[in-house]
Amino acid sequence: MTKSELIERLTDDHELLNKKDAEMVINLIFGGIGDALSQGDRVEIRGFGSFSVRERDAREARNPKSGELVKIASRKTPFFKTGKELRERVDE
């Protein structure tokens, strides 16, 4: 499901919500999650899952084209862990 499909589904399920308002709500939610993660916070949505930031160590890798060693700096990446209810729902 894409973001536009999510907005469309929201407007179909809720008559009082128009497309513009639904898009604003979705942008606020995703923006809030992104802002929290960029500040190093953790976001937990009960029954759905939690978002956190993990740090990846610096490492050496190989360039697949030339085969030479390349140094990759450490970096932070977002991580999502599913909640129990979502895992069980998907497993059905």
Protein backbone atom coordinates (compact mmCIF):
# COMPACT_ATOMS: atom_id res chain seq x y z
CA MET A 1 0.00 0.00 0.00
CA THR A 2 1.37 3.39 -0.95
CA LYS A 3 0.85 6.67 0.87
CA SER A 4 -1.70 7.83 -1.71
CA GLU A 5 -3.60 4.53 -1.38
CA LEU A 6 -3.65 4.98 2.40
CA ILE A 7 -5.08 8.49 2.01
CA GLU A 8 -7.70 7.17 -0.44
CA ARG A 9 -8.70 4.41 1.96
CA LEU A 10 -9.05 6.88 4.84
CA THR A 11 -11.35 9.12 2.82
CA ASP A 12 -13.42 6.12 1.68
CA ASP A 13 -13.83 4.81 5.25
CA HIS A 14 -14.63 8.22 6.81
CA GLU A 15 -17.16 10.38 4.96
CA LEU A 16 -16.39 13.54 6.96
CA LEU A 17 -12.70 13.41 6.06
CA ASN A 18 -11.73 14.91 2.72
CA LYS A 19 -8.55 14.07 0.78
CA LYS A 20 -6.69 17.23 1.80
CA ASP A 21 -7.34 16.67 5.52
CA ALA A 22 -6.46 12.97 5.31
CA GLU A 23 -3.17 13.81 3.59
CA MET A 24 -2.40 16.38 6.29
CA VAL A 25 -3.06 13.80 9.04
CA ILE A 26 -0.83 11.19 7.38
CA ASN A 27 1.95 13.77 6.85
CA LEU A 28 1.74 14.86 10.49
CA ILE A 29 2.01 11.28 11.75
CA PHE A 30 4.93 10.33 9.50
CA GLY A 31 6.61 13.68 10.10
CA GLY A 32 6.29 13.26 13.85
CA ILE A 33 7.83 9.80 13.71
CA GLY A 34 10.67 11.10 11.53
CA ASP A 35 11.30 14.08 13.83
CA ALA A 36 11.40 11.87 16.91
CA LEU A 37 13.83 9.44 15.28
CA SER A 38 16.11 12.26 14.09
CA GLN A 39 16.34 13.44 17.72
CA GLY A 40 17.30 9.92 18.81
CA ASP A 41 13.95 9.14 20.46
CA ARG A 42 12.03 5.88 20.22
CA VAL A 43 8.42 5.76 18.94
CA GLU A 44 6.13 2.99 20.15
CA ILE A 45 2.63 2.37 18.80
CA ARG A 46 0.99 -0.31 20.96
CA GLY A 47 -0.20 -3.31 18.97
CA PHE A 48 1.60 -2.13 15.83
CA GLY A 49 5.30 -1.85 16.60
CA SER A 50 8.14 0.42 17.58
CA PHE A 51 10.56 2.59 15.64
CA SER A 52 14.08 3.22 16.91
CA VAL A 53 17.49 4.29 15.65
CA ARG A 54 20.38 1.84 15.49
CA GLU A 55 23.99 2.71 14.89
CA ARG A 56 25.93 0.67 12.38
CA ASP A 57 29.65 0.35 12.96
CA ALA A 58 32.25 1.43 10.43
CA ARG A 59 33.38 -1.43 8.22
CA GLU A 60 35.22 -2.38 5.10
CA ALA A 61 33.38 -3.70 2.06
CA ARG A 62 34.21 -4.55 -1.52
CA ASN A 63 33.15 -2.60 -4.58
CA PRO A 64 31.33 -5.27 -6.61
CA LYS A 65 32.45 -3.77 -9.92
CA SER A 66 36.18 -3.35 -9.26
CA GLY A 67 36.66 -5.66 -6.28
CA GLU A 68 38.68 -3.06 -4.35
CA LEU A 69 38.19 -2.48 -0.61
CA VAL A 70 36.08 0.52 0.37
CA LYS A 71 35.79 1.97 3.87
CA ILE A 72 32.22 2.64 5.01
CA ALA A 73 31.78 5.12 7.84
CA SER A 74 29.53 4.41 10.83
CA ARG A 75 25.97 5.64 10.45
CA LYS A 76 22.58 5.66 12.06
CA THR A 77 19.67 3.82 10.48
CA PRO A 78 15.97 3.59 11.38
CA PHE A 79 14.77 0.23 12.66
CA PHE A 80 11.21 -1.10 12.99
CA LYS A 81 10.20 -3.96 15.26
CA THR A 82 6.68 -5.33 14.87
CA GLY A 83 4.36 -5.58 17.83
CA LYS A 84 2.88 -8.87 19.01
CA GLU A 85 -0.65 -8.10 17.76
CA LEU A 86 0.58 -7.18 14.27
CA ARG A 87 2.76 -10.32 14.06
CA GLU A 88 -0.18 -12.50 15.06
CA ARG A 89 -2.50 -10.76 12.61
CA VAL A 90 -0.09 -11.25 9.71
CA ASP A 91 0.53 -14.88 10.70
CA GLU A 92 -3.18 -15.81 10.40
